[in-house]
Amino acid sequence: MKTLIRNFSYTFRRFFAASVLNIAGLSIAFSSFFVIMTQIDYDYNFNKGYKDYKKIFRVEVYSDNEWTEIAPRPILELISSSSPHILSSSIITYTVSNQDFNINGHIFIIVR
């Protein structure tokens, strides 16, 4: 073991710039790999906390050269009523700006 440490220290001192670049490159490569694999693991296991997670789907629409989950409500209602295999559906609304709701004379403001 002593010989290995002595050889490593000699090589590190002799080729200092190359050694530092190799160590930095390996560090960046391993950290990038870890971040990418963490994101992939999150994507594959996203709904697995729910019962019957294999039956959950999200509808996405291709418009303006990109995929988005924002679609008009009539289209989503048509999709959910078009098949007897769809047991239930839900529509999530994303708001970009502030919204005011008037419920029984009380005004509620949602700030995003």
PDB file of N, CA and C in Angstrom:
ATOM      1  N   MET A   1       0.828  -1.191   0.000  1.00  0.00           N
ATOM      2  CA  MET A   1       0.000   0.000   0.000  1.00  0.00           C
ATOM      3  C   MET A   1       0.870   1.252   0.000  1.00  0.00           C
ATOM      4  N   LYS A   2       1.986   1.152   0.708  1.00  0.00           N
ATOM      5  CA  LYS A   2       2.903   2.283   0.775  1.00  0.00           C
ATOM      6  C   LYS A   2       3.459   2.613  -0.610  1.00  0.00           C
ATOM      7  N   THR A   3       3.728   1.592  -1.397  1.00  0.00           N
ATOM      8  CA  THR A   3       4.262   1.791  -2.742  1.00  0.00           C
ATOM      9  C   THR A   3       3.223   2.474  -3.640  1.00  0.00           C
ATOM     10  N   LEU A   4       1.969   2.084  -3.508  1.00  0.00           N
ATOM     11  CA  LEU A   4       0.920   2.697  -4.325  1.00  0.00           C
ATOM     12  C   LEU A   4       0.770   4.181  -4.005  1.00  0.00           C
ATOM     13  N   ILE A   5       0.803   4.526  -2.742  1.00  0.00           N
ATOM     14  CA  ILE A   5       0.676   5.936  -2.348  1.00  0.00           C
ATOM     15  C   ILE A   5       1.870   6.736  -2.845  1.00  0.00           C
ATOM     16  N   ARG A   6       3.061   6.161  -2.742  1.00  0.00           N
ATOM     17  CA  ARG A   6       4.256   6.846  -3.212  1.00  0.00           C
ATOM     18  C   ARG A   6       4.215   7.046  -4.729  1.00  0.00           C
ATOM     19  N   ASN A   7       3.773   6.034  -5.474  1.00  0.00           N
ATOM     20  CA  ASN A   7       3.663   6.175  -6.934  1.00  0.00           C
ATOM     21  C   ASN A   7       2.606   7.225  -7.304  1.00  0.00           C
ATOM     22  N   PHE A   8       1.457   7.214  -6.605  1.00  0.00           N
ATOM     23  CA  PHE A   8       0.421   8.196  -6.882  1.00  0.00           C
ATOM     24  C   PHE A   8       0.907   9.615  -6.600  1.00  0.00           C
ATOM     25  N   SER A   9       1.567   9.810  -5.472  1.00  0.00           N
ATOM     26  CA  SER A   9       2.047  11.156  -5.142  1.00  0.00           C
ATOM     27  C   SER A   9       3.116  11.614  -6.141  1.00  0.00           C
ATOM     28  N   TYR A  10       3.975  10.718  -6.580  1.00  0.00           N
ATOM     29  CA  TYR A  10       4.990  11.087  -7.576  1.00  0.00           C
ATOM     30  C   TYR A  10       4.319  11.491  -8.898  1.00  0.00           C
ATOM     31  N   THR A  11       3.359  10.677  -9.346  1.00  0.00           N
ATOM     32  CA  THR A  11       2.663  10.968 -10.595  1.00  0.00           C
ATOM     33  C   THR A  11       1.870  12.264 -10.480  1.00  0.00           C
ATOM     34  N   PHE A  12       1.241  12.474  -9.313  1.00  0.00           N
ATOM     35  CA  PHE A  12       0.460  13.693  -9.113  1.00  0.00           C
ATOM     36  C   PHE A  12       1.354  14.930  -9.153  1.00  0.00           C
ATOM     37  N   ARG A  13       2.519  14.858  -8.507  1.00  0.00           N
ATOM     38  CA  ARG A  13       3.445  16.004  -8.530  1.00  0.00           C
ATOM     39  C   ARG A  13       4.079  16.194  -9.895  1.00  0.00           C
ATOM     40  N   ARG A  14       4.373  15.120 -10.585  1.00  0.00           N
ATOM     41  CA  ARG A  14       5.067  15.204 -11.874  1.00  0.00           C
ATOM     42  C   ARG A  14       4.131  15.758 -12.955  1.00  0.00           C
ATOM     43  N   PHE A  15       2.878  15.314 -12.964  1.00  0.00           N
ATOM     44  CA  PHE A  15       1.889  15.744 -13.957  1.00  0.00           C
ATOM     45  C   PHE A  15       0.727  16.433 -13.236  1.00  0.00           C
ATOM     46  N   PHE A  16       1.042  17.542 -12.579  1.00  0.00           N
ATOM     47  CA  PHE A  16       0.067  18.212 -11.718  1.00  0.00           C
ATOM     48  C   PHE A  16      -1.156  18.709 -12.498  1.00  0.00           C
ATOM     49  N   ALA A  17      -0.943  19.405 -13.596  1.00  0.00           N
ATOM     50  CA  ALA A  17      -2.065  19.970 -14.358  1.00  0.00           C
ATOM     51  C   ALA A  17      -2.959  18.869 -14.925  1.00  0.00           C
ATOM     52  N   ALA A  18      -2.371  17.843 -15.482  1.00  0.00           N
ATOM     53  CA  ALA A  18      -3.158  16.742 -16.033  1.00  0.00           C
ATOM     54  C   ALA A  18      -3.920  16.011 -14.930  1.00  0.00           C
ATOM     55  N   SER A  19      -3.304  15.840 -13.774  1.00  0.00           N
ATOM     56  CA  SER A  19      -3.974  15.164 -12.660  1.00  0.00           C
ATOM     57  C   SER A  19      -5.160  15.975 -12.156  1.00  0.00           C
ATOM     58  N   VAL A  20      -4.967  17.288 -12.026  1.00  0.00           N
ATOM     59  CA  VAL A  20      -6.064  18.144 -11.560  1.00  0.00           C
ATOM     60  C   VAL A  20      -7.201  18.141 -12.569  1.00  0.00           C
ATOM     61  N   LEU A  21      -6.878  18.226 -13.862  1.00  0.00           N
ATOM     62  CA  LEU A  21      -7.921  18.186 -14.887  1.00  0.00           C
ATOM     63  C   LEU A  21      -8.667  16.854 -14.903  1.00  0.00           C
ATOM     64  N   ASN A  22      -7.942  15.761 -14.719  1.00  0.00           N
ATOM     65  CA  ASN A  22      -8.590  14.445 -14.666  1.00  0.00           C
ATOM     66  C   ASN A  22      -9.526  14.330 -13.469  1.00  0.00           C
ATOM     67  N   ILE A  23      -9.080  14.772 -12.313  1.00  0.00           N
ATOM     68  CA  ILE A  23      -9.912  14.699 -11.113  1.00  0.00           C
ATOM     69  C   ILE A  23     -11.127  15.610 -11.249  1.00  0.00           C
ATOM     70  N   ALA A  24     -10.948  16.811 -11.785  1.00  0.00           N
ATOM     71  CA  ALA A  24     -12.080  17.727 -11.983  1.00  0.00           C
ATOM     72  C   ALA A  24     -13.066  17.155 -12.999  1.00  0.00           C
ATOM     73  N   GLY A  25     -12.555  16.596 -14.077  1.00  0.00           N
ATOM     74  CA  GLY A  25     -13.434  16.009 -15.092  1.00  0.00           C
ATOM     75  C   GLY A  25     -14.224  14.830 -14.559  1.00  0.00           C
ATOM     76  N   LEU A  26     -13.573  13.971 -13.792  1.00  0.00           N
ATOM     77  CA  LEU A  26     -14.281  12.843 -13.196  1.00  0.00           C
ATOM     78  C   LEU A  26     -15.321  13.306 -12.191  1.00  0.00           C
ATOM     79  N   SER A  27     -15.014  14.334 -11.423  1.00  0.00           N
ATOM     80  CA  SER A  27     -15.982  14.862 -10.453  1.00  0.00           C
ATOM     81  C   SER A  27     -17.214  15.414 -11.165  1.00  0.00           C
ATOM     82  N   ILE A  28     -16.999  16.174 -12.219  1.00  0.00           N
ATOM     83  CA  ILE A  28     -18.125  16.726 -12.981  1.00  0.00           C
ATOM     84  C   ILE A  28     -18.928  15.611 -13.638  1.00  0.00           C
ATOM     85  N   ALA A  29     -18.259  14.609 -14.175  1.00  0.00           N
ATOM     86  CA  ALA A  29     -18.949  13.501 -14.834  1.00  0.00           C
ATOM     87  C   ALA A  29     -19.801  12.711 -13.835  1.00  0.00           C
ATOM     88  N   PHE A  30     -19.250  12.391 -12.673  1.00  0.00           N
ATOM     89  CA  PHE A  30     -20.010  11.638 -11.675  1.00  0.00           C
ATOM     90  C   PHE A  30     -21.181  12.450 -11.129  1.00  0.00           C
ATOM     91  N   SER A  31     -20.980  13.744 -10.885  1.00  0.00           N
ATOM     92  CA  SER A  31     -22.083  14.555 -10.368  1.00  0.00           C
ATOM     93  C   SER A  31     -23.177  14.727 -11.426  1.00  0.00           C
ATOM     94  N   SER A  32     -22.798  14.894 -12.695  1.00  0.00           N
ATOM     95  CA  SER A  32     -23.794  14.983 -13.770  1.00  0.00           C
ATOM     96  C   SER A  32     -24.570  13.678 -13.900  1.00  0.00           C
ATOM     97  N   PHE A  33     -23.872  12.569 -13.833  1.00  0.00           N
ATOM     98  CA  PHE A  33     -24.530  11.267 -13.899  1.00  0.00           C
ATOM     99  C   PHE A  33     -25.507  11.101 -12.743  1.00  0.00           C
ATOM    100  N   PHE A  34     -25.116  11.504 -11.552  1.00  0.00           N
ATOM    101  CA  PHE A  34     -25.987  11.390 -10.387  1.00  0.00           C
ATOM    102  C   PHE A  34     -27.245  12.247 -10.542  1.00  0.00           C
ATOM    103  N   VAL A  35     -27.099  13.479 -11.018  1.00  0.00           N
ATOM    104  CA  VAL A  35     -28.256  14.364 -11.196  1.00  0.00           C
ATOM    105  C   VAL A  35     -29.197  13.813 -12.264  1.00  0.00           C
ATOM    106  N   ILE A  36     -28.662  13.348 -13.375  1.00  0.00           N
ATOM    107  CA  ILE A  36     -29.498  12.801 -14.445  1.00  0.00           C
ATOM    108  C   ILE A  36     -30.225  11.547 -13.984  1.00  0.00           C
ATOM    109  N   MET A  37     -29.537  10.647 -13.301  1.00  0.00           N
ATOM    110  CA  MET A  37     -30.177   9.427 -12.830  1.00  0.00           C
ATOM    111  C   MET A  37     -31.208   9.704 -11.741  1.00  0.00           C
ATOM    112  N   THR A  38     -30.992  10.715 -10.918  1.00  0.00           N
ATOM    113  CA  THR A  38     -31.986  11.096  -9.920  1.00  0.00           C
ATOM    114  C   THR A  38     -33.252  11.596 -10.597  1.00  0.00           C
ATOM    115  N   GLN A  39     -33.113  12.400 -11.656  1.00  0.00           N
ATOM    116  CA  GLN A  39     -34.276  12.894 -12.388  1.00  0.00           C
ATOM    117  C   GLN A  39     -35.014  11.752 -13.082  1.00  0.00           C
ATOM    118  N   ILE A  40     -34.296  10.821 -13.668  1.00  0.00           N
ATOM    119  CA  ILE A  40     -34.922   9.677 -14.328  1.00  0.00           C
ATOM    120  C   ILE A  40     -35.667   8.820 -13.312  1.00  0.00           C
ATOM    121  N   ASP A  41     -35.069   8.593 -12.150  1.00  0.00           N
ATOM    122  CA  ASP A  41     -35.727   7.822 -11.104  1.00  0.00           C
ATOM    123  C   ASP A  41     -36.998   8.514 -10.631  1.00  0.00           C
ATOM    124  N   TYR A  42     -36.954   9.816 -10.495  1.00  0.00           N
ATOM    125  CA  TYR A  42     -38.138  10.582 -10.089  1.00  0.00           C
ATOM    126  C   TYR A  42     -39.241  10.469 -11.144  1.00  0.00           C
ATOM    127  N   ASP A  43     -38.874  10.570 -12.418  1.00  0.00           N
ATOM    128  CA  ASP A  43     -39.865  10.485 -13.487  1.00  0.00           C
ATOM    129  C   ASP A  43     -40.523   9.104 -13.551  1.00  0.00           C
ATOM    130  N   TYR A  44     -39.741   8.046 -13.376  1.00  0.00           N
ATOM    131  CA  TYR A  44     -40.302   6.708 -13.445  1.00  0.00           C
ATOM    132  C   TYR A  44     -41.141   6.345 -12.224  1.00  0.00           C
ATOM    133  N   ASN A  45     -40.854   6.932 -11.077  1.00  0.00           N
ATOM    134  CA  ASN A  45     -41.555   6.583  -9.842  1.00  0.00           C
ATOM    135  C   ASN A  45     -42.492   7.678  -9.368  1.00  0.00           C
ATOM    136  N   PHE A  46     -42.927   8.552 -10.265  1.00  0.00           N
ATOM    137  CA  PHE A  46     -43.703   9.726  -9.872  1.00  0.00           C
ATOM    138  C   PHE A  46     -45.025   9.367  -9.206  1.00  0.00           C
ATOM    139  N   ASN A  47     -45.837   8.524  -9.802  1.00  0.00           N
ATOM    140  CA  ASN A  47     -47.170   8.209  -9.282  1.00  0.00           C
ATOM    141  C   ASN A  47     -47.229   6.925  -8.475  1.00  0.00           C
ATOM    142  N   LYS A  48     -46.124   6.309  -8.161  1.00  0.00           N
ATOM    143  CA  LYS A  48     -46.159   5.007  -7.505  1.00  0.00           C
ATOM    144  C   LYS A  48     -46.622   5.064  -6.057  1.00  0.00           C
ATOM    145  N   GLY A  49     -46.837   6.247  -5.519  1.00  0.00           N
ATOM    146  CA  GLY A  49     -47.372   6.362  -4.170  1.00  0.00           C
ATOM    147  C   GLY A  49     -48.877   6.190  -4.125  1.00  0.00           C
ATOM    148  N   TYR A  50     -49.537   6.216  -5.278  1.00  0.00           N
ATOM    149  CA  TYR A  50     -50.985   6.097  -5.344  1.00  0.00           C
ATOM    150  C   TYR A  50     -51.390   4.649  -5.614  1.00  0.00           C
ATOM    151  N   LYS A  51     -52.552   4.287  -5.078  1.00  0.00           N
ATOM    152  CA  LYS A  51     -53.108   2.978  -5.376  1.00  0.00           C
ATOM    153  C   LYS A  51     -53.510   2.974  -6.854  1.00  0.00           C
ATOM    154  N   ASP A  52     -53.301   1.881  -7.544  1.00  0.00           N
ATOM    155  CA  ASP A  52     -53.602   1.740  -8.978  1.00  0.00           C
ATOM    156  C   ASP A  52     -52.885   2.805  -9.809  1.00  0.00           C
ATOM    157  N   TYR A  53     -51.618   3.025  -9.521  1.00  0.00           N
ATOM    158  CA  TYR A  53     -50.862   4.060 -10.229  1.00  0.00           C
ATOM    159  C   TYR A  53     -50.708   3.769 -11.719  1.00  0.00           C
ATOM    160  N   LYS A  54     -50.871   2.528 -12.122  1.00  0.00           N
ATOM    161  CA  LYS A  54     -50.749   2.198 -13.548  1.00  0.00           C
ATOM    162  C   LYS A  54     -51.957   2.662 -14.345  1.00  0.00           C
ATOM    163  N   LYS A  55     -53.013   3.062 -13.658  1.00  0.00           N
ATOM    164  CA  LYS A  55     -54.218   3.515 -14.337  1.00  0.00           C
ATOM    165  C   LYS A  55     -54.305   5.038 -14.422  1.00  0.00           C
ATOM    166  N   ILE A  56     -53.275   5.744 -13.997  1.00  0.00           N
ATOM    167  CA  ILE A  56     -53.277   7.206 -14.013  1.00  0.00           C
ATOM    168  C   ILE A  56     -52.544   7.681 -15.266  1.00  0.00           C
ATOM    169  N   PHE A  57     -53.183   8.568 -16.031  1.00  0.00           N
ATOM    170  CA  PHE A  57     -52.585   9.103 -17.253  1.00  0.00           C
ATOM    171  C   PHE A  57     -52.736  10.617 -17.267  1.00  0.00           C
ATOM    172  N   ARG A  58     -51.873  11.267 -17.997  1.00  0.00           N
ATOM    173  CA  ARG A  58     -51.946  12.717 -18.176  1.00  0.00           C
ATOM    174  C   ARG A  58     -52.076  13.003 -19.669  1.00  0.00           C
ATOM    175  N   VAL A  59     -52.986  13.894 -19.991  1.00  0.00           N
ATOM    176  CA  VAL A  59     -53.205  14.265 -21.388  1.00  0.00           C
ATOM    177  C   VAL A  59     -52.329  15.468 -21.713  1.00  0.00           C
ATOM    178  N   GLU A  60     -51.566  15.359 -22.795  1.00  0.00           N
ATOM    179  CA  GLU A  60     -50.746  16.466 -23.261  1.00  0.00           C
ATOM    180  C   GLU A  60     -51.131  16.785 -24.698  1.00  0.00           C
ATOM    181  N   VAL A  61     -51.037  18.053 -25.045  1.00  0.00           N
ATOM    182  CA  VAL A  61     -51.428  18.529 -26.371  1.00  0.00           C
ATOM    183  C   VAL A  61     -50.198  19.141 -27.036  1.00  0.00           C
ATOM    184  N   TYR A  62     -50.025  18.856 -28.322  1.00  0.00           N
ATOM    185  CA  TYR A  62     -48.914  19.419 -29.084  1.00  0.00           C
ATOM    186  C   TYR A  62     -49.412  20.669 -29.806  1.00  0.00           C
ATOM    187  N   SER A  63     -48.931  21.822 -29.394  1.00  0.00           N
ATOM    188  CA  SER A  63     -49.307  23.075 -30.057  1.00  0.00           C
ATOM    189  C   SER A  63     -48.136  24.046 -30.000  1.00  0.00           C
ATOM    190  N   ASP A  64     -48.008  24.845 -31.012  1.00  0.00           N
ATOM    191  CA  ASP A  64     -46.929  25.834 -31.100  1.00  0.00           C
ATOM    192  C   ASP A  64     -45.555  25.201 -30.936  1.00  0.00           C
ATOM    193  N   ASN A  65     -45.354  24.071 -31.579  1.00  0.00           N
ATOM    194  CA  ASN A  65     -44.070  23.360 -31.595  1.00  0.00           C
ATOM    195  C   ASN A  65     -43.580  22.932 -30.221  1.00  0.00           C
ATOM    196  N   GLU A  66     -44.509  22.652 -29.288  1.00  0.00           N
ATOM    197  CA  GLU A  66     -44.112  22.127 -27.983  1.00  0.00           C
ATOM    198  C   GLU A  66     -45.264  21.343 -27.369  1.00  0.00           C
ATOM    199  N   TRP A  67     -44.920  20.413 -26.499  1.00  0.00           N
ATOM    200  CA  TRP A  67     -45.918  19.646 -25.777  1.00  0.00           C
ATOM    201  C   TRP A  67     -46.294  20.396 -24.512  1.00  0.00           C
ATOM    202  N   THR A  68     -47.582  20.481 -24.245  1.00  0.00           N
ATOM    203  CA  THR A  68     -48.056  21.154 -23.042  1.00  0.00           C
ATOM    204  C   THR A  68     -49.249  20.392 -22.474  1.00  0.00           C
ATOM    205  N   GLU A  69     -49.425  20.468 -21.177  1.00  0.00           N
ATOM    206  CA  GLU A  69     -50.565  19.801 -20.557  1.00  0.00           C
ATOM    207  C   GLU A  69     -51.775  20.724 -20.452  1.00  0.00           C
ATOM    208  N   ILE A  70     -51.667  21.927 -20.985  1.00  0.00           N
ATOM    209  CA  ILE A  70     -52.768  22.879 -20.972  1.00  0.00           C
ATOM    210  C   ILE A  70     -53.600  22.673 -22.231  1.00  0.00           C
ATOM    211  N   ALA A  71     -54.888  22.373 -22.052  1.00  0.00           N
ATOM    212  CA  ALA A  71     -55.795  22.145 -23.180  1.00  0.00           C
ATOM    213  C   ALA A  71     -57.141  22.763 -22.837  1.00  0.00           C
ATOM    214  N   PRO A  72     -57.923  23.111 -23.842  1.00  0.00           N
ATOM    215  CA  PRO A  72     -59.251  23.660 -23.579  1.00  0.00           C
ATOM    216  C   PRO A  72     -60.148  22.645 -22.866  1.00  0.00           C
ATOM    217  N   ARG A  73     -60.982  23.137 -21.975  1.00  0.00           N
ATOM    218  CA  ARG A  73     -61.853  22.274 -21.186  1.00  0.00           C
ATOM    219  C   ARG A  73     -62.783  21.412 -22.044  1.00  0.00           C
ATOM    220  N   PRO A  74     -63.406  21.928 -23.139  1.00  0.00           N
ATOM    221  CA  PRO A  74     -64.282  21.053 -23.949  1.00  0.00           C
ATOM    222  C   PRO A  74     -63.556  19.842 -24.533  1.00  0.00           C
ATOM    223  N   ILE A  75     -62.286  20.011 -24.917  1.00  0.00           N
ATOM    224  CA  ILE A  75     -61.529  18.879 -25.463  1.00  0.00           C
ATOM    225  C   ILE A  75     -61.299  17.836 -24.376  1.00  0.00           C
ATOM    226  N   LEU A  76     -60.951  18.276 -23.185  1.00  0.00           N
ATOM    227  CA  LEU A  76     -60.714  17.328 -22.099  1.00  0.00           C
ATOM    228  C   LEU A  76     -61.993  16.612 -21.685  1.00  0.00           C
ATOM    229  N   GLU A  77     -63.122  17.321 -21.686  1.00  0.00           N
ATOM    230  CA  GLU A  77     -64.394  16.671 -21.370  1.00  0.00           C
ATOM    231  C   GLU A  77     -64.787  15.676 -22.457  1.00  0.00           C
ATOM    232  N   LEU A  78     -64.507  16.004 -23.723  1.00  0.00           N
ATOM    233  CA  LEU A  78     -64.786  15.087 -24.822  1.00  0.00           C
ATOM    234  C   LEU A  78     -63.934  13.823 -24.710  1.00  0.00           C
ATOM    235  N   ILE A  79     -62.677  13.991 -24.372  1.00  0.00           N
ATOM    236  CA  ILE A  79     -61.792  12.833 -24.218  1.00  0.00           C
ATOM    237  C   ILE A  79     -62.272  11.950 -23.076  1.00  0.00           C
ATOM    238  N   SER A  80     -62.645  12.553 -21.948  1.00  0.00           N
ATOM    239  CA  SER A  80     -63.049  11.746 -20.793  1.00  0.00           C
ATOM    240  C   SER A  80     -64.389  11.052 -21.009  1.00  0.00           C
ATOM    241  N   SER A  81     -65.266  11.624 -21.836  1.00  0.00           N
ATOM    242  CA  SER A  81     -66.561  10.988 -22.073  1.00  0.00           C
ATOM    243  C   SER A  81     -66.561  10.075 -23.298  1.00  0.00           C
ATOM    244  N   SER A  82     -65.465  10.023 -24.046  1.00  0.00           N
ATOM    245  CA  SER A  82     -65.443   9.265 -25.293  1.00  0.00           C
ATOM    246  C   SER A  82     -65.219   7.771 -25.092  1.00  0.00           C
ATOM    247  N   SER A  83     -64.714   7.365 -23.955  1.00  0.00           N
ATOM    248  CA  SER A  83     -64.400   5.957 -23.763  1.00  0.00           C
ATOM    249  C   SER A  83     -65.026   5.449 -22.471  1.00  0.00           C
ATOM    250  N   PRO A  84     -65.619   4.271 -22.515  1.00  0.00           N
ATOM    251  CA  PRO A  84     -66.163   3.710 -21.277  1.00  0.00           C
ATOM    252  C   PRO A  84     -65.075   3.193 -20.338  1.00  0.00           C
ATOM    253  N   HIS A  85     -63.840   3.098 -20.828  1.00  0.00           N
ATOM    254  CA  HIS A  85     -62.737   2.618 -19.998  1.00  0.00           C
ATOM    255  C   HIS A  85     -62.224   3.693 -19.040  1.00  0.00           C
ATOM    256  N   ILE A  86     -62.551   4.954 -19.307  1.00  0.00           N
ATOM    257  CA  ILE A  86     -62.129   6.041 -18.421  1.00  0.00           C
ATOM    258  C   ILE A  86     -63.116   6.117 -17.270  1.00  0.00           C
ATOM    259  N   LEU A  87     -62.647   5.781 -16.078  1.00  0.00           N
ATOM    260  CA  LEU A  87     -63.531   5.731 -14.919  1.00  0.00           C
ATOM    261  C   LEU A  87     -63.800   7.109 -14.348  1.00  0.00           C
ATOM    262  N   SER A  88     -62.791   7.943 -14.273  1.00  0.00           N
ATOM    263  CA  SER A  88     -62.960   9.301 -13.761  1.00  0.00           C
ATOM    264  C   SER A  88     -61.890  10.185 -14.368  1.00  0.00           C
ATOM    265  N   SER A  89     -62.121  11.486 -14.328  1.00  0.00           N
ATOM    266  CA  SER A  89     -61.150  12.427 -14.869  1.00  0.00           C
ATOM    267  C   SER A  89     -61.129  13.669 -14.001  1.00  0.00           C
ATOM    268  N   SER A  90     -60.075  14.412 -14.150  1.00  0.00           N
ATOM    269  CA  SER A  90     -59.910  15.640 -13.382  1.00  0.00           C
ATOM    270  C   SER A  90     -59.239  16.670 -14.269  1.00  0.00           C
ATOM    271  N   ILE A  91     -59.601  17.913 -14.092  1.00  0.00           N
ATOM    272  CA  ILE A  91     -59.005  19.000 -14.862  1.00  0.00           C
ATOM    273  C   ILE A  91     -58.308  19.927 -13.885  1.00  0.00           C
ATOM    274  N   ILE A  92     -57.051  20.194 -14.140  1.00  0.00           N
ATOM    275  CA  ILE A  92     -56.265  21.093 -13.305  1.00  0.00           C
ATOM    276  C   ILE A  92     -56.066  22.385 -14.072  1.00  0.00           C
ATOM    277  N   THR A  93     -56.340  23.501 -13.433  1.00  0.00           N
ATOM    278  CA  THR A  93     -56.217  24.798 -14.079  1.00  0.00           C
ATOM    279  C   THR A  93     -54.964  25.495 -13.568  1.00  0.00           C
ATOM    280  N   TYR A  94     -54.140  25.930 -14.488  1.00  0.00           N
ATOM    281  CA  TYR A  94     -52.969  26.721 -14.146  1.00  0.00           C
ATOM    282  C   TYR A  94     -53.293  28.188 -14.394  1.00  0.00           C
ATOM    283  N   THR A  95     -53.030  29.015 -13.426  1.00  0.00           N
ATOM    284  CA  THR A  95     -53.251  30.443 -13.617  1.00  0.00           C
ATOM    285  C   THR A  95     -51.914  31.145 -13.666  1.00  0.00           C
ATOM    286  N   VAL A  96     -51.795  32.064 -14.589  1.00  0.00           N
ATOM    287  CA  VAL A  96     -50.547  32.799 -14.760  1.00  0.00           C
ATOM    288  C   VAL A  96     -50.567  34.081 -13.945  1.00  0.00           C
ATOM    289  N   SER A  97     -51.728  34.711 -13.862  1.00  0.00           N
ATOM    290  CA  SER A  97     -51.828  35.985 -13.154  1.00  0.00           C
ATOM    291  C   SER A  97     -52.745  35.838 -11.942  1.00  0.00           C
ATOM    292  N   ASN A  98     -52.939  36.928 -11.230  1.00  0.00           N
ATOM    293  CA  ASN A  98     -53.799  36.932 -10.053  1.00  0.00           C
ATOM    294  C   ASN A  98     -55.253  36.729 -10.468  1.00  0.00           C
ATOM    295  N   GLN A  99     -56.019  36.045  -9.623  1.00  0.00           N
ATOM    296  CA  GLN A  99     -57.436  35.827  -9.893  1.00  0.00           C
ATOM    297  C   GLN A  99     -58.245  36.244  -8.681  1.00  0.00           C
ATOM    298  N   ASP A 100     -59.426  36.804  -8.931  1.00  0.00           N
ATOM    299  CA  ASP A 100     -60.355  37.192  -7.877  1.00  0.00           C
ATOM    300  C   ASP A 100     -61.582  36.300  -7.961  1.00  0.00           C
ATOM    301  N   PHE A 101     -62.006  35.766  -6.809  1.00  0.00           N
ATOM    302  CA  PHE A 101     -63.208  34.959  -6.735  1.00  0.00           C
ATOM    303  C   PHE A 101     -64.189  35.644  -5.800  1.00  0.00           C
ATOM    304  N   ASN A 102     -65.437  35.698  -6.205  1.00  0.00           N
ATOM    305  CA  ASN A 102     -66.497  36.279  -5.396  1.00  0.00           C
ATOM    306  C   ASN A 102     -67.416  35.151  -4.960  1.00  0.00           C
ATOM    307  N   ILE A 103     -67.366  34.801  -3.680  1.00  0.00           N
ATOM    308  CA  ILE A 103     -68.186  33.731  -3.135  1.00  0.00           C
ATOM    309  C   ILE A 103     -69.043  34.315  -2.023  1.00  0.00           C
ATOM    310  N   ASN A 104     -70.345  34.367  -2.257  1.00  0.00           N
ATOM    311  CA  ASN A 104     -71.313  34.892  -1.279  1.00  0.00           C
ATOM    312  C   ASN A 104     -70.954  36.294  -0.801  1.00  0.00           C
ATOM    313  N   GLY A 105     -70.511  37.125  -1.716  1.00  0.00           N
ATOM    314  CA  GLY A 105     -70.189  38.500  -1.362  1.00  0.00           C
ATOM    315  C   GLY A 105     -68.788  38.692  -0.811  1.00  0.00           C
ATOM    316  N   HIS A 106     -68.068  37.626  -0.577  1.00  0.00           N
ATOM    317  CA  HIS A 106     -66.695  37.718  -0.086  1.00  0.00           C
ATOM    318  C   HIS A 106     -65.750  37.576  -1.277  1.00  0.00           C
ATOM    319  N   ILE A 107     -64.777  38.451  -1.371  1.00  0.00           N
ATOM    320  CA  ILE A 107     -63.816  38.419  -2.473  1.00  0.00           C
ATOM    321  C   ILE A 107     -62.535  37.766  -2.002  1.00  0.00           C
ATOM    322  N   PHE A 108     -62.119  36.705  -2.695  1.00  0.00           N
ATOM    323  CA  PHE A 108     -60.877  36.006  -2.408  1.00  0.00           C
ATOM    324  C   PHE A 108     -59.916  36.246  -3.556  1.00  0.00           C
ATOM    325  N   ILE A 109     -58.685  36.579  -3.238  1.00  0.00           N
ATOM    326  CA  ILE A 109     -57.666  36.851  -4.245  1.00  0.00           C
ATOM    327  C   ILE A 109     -56.609  35.754  -4.168  1.00  0.00           C
ATOM    328  N   ILE A 110     -56.366  35.100  -5.295  1.00  0.00           N
ATOM    329  CA  ILE A 110     -55.317  34.083  -5.372  1.00  0.00           C
ATOM    330  C   ILE A 110     -54.123  34.717  -6.059  1.00  0.00           C
ATOM    331  N   VAL A 111     -53.017  34.787  -5.350  1.00  0.00           N
ATOM    332  CA  VAL A 111     -51.779  35.386  -5.900  1.00  0.00           C
ATOM    333  C   VAL A 111     -50.807  34.268  -6.175  1.00  0.00           C
ATOM    334  N   ARG A 112     -50.284  34.236  -7.381  1.00  0.00           N
ATOM    335  CA  ARG A 112     -49.299  33.208  -7.750  1.00  0.00           C
ATOM    336  C   ARG A 112     -47.984  33.851  -8.042  1.00  0.00           C
TER     337      ARG A 112
END
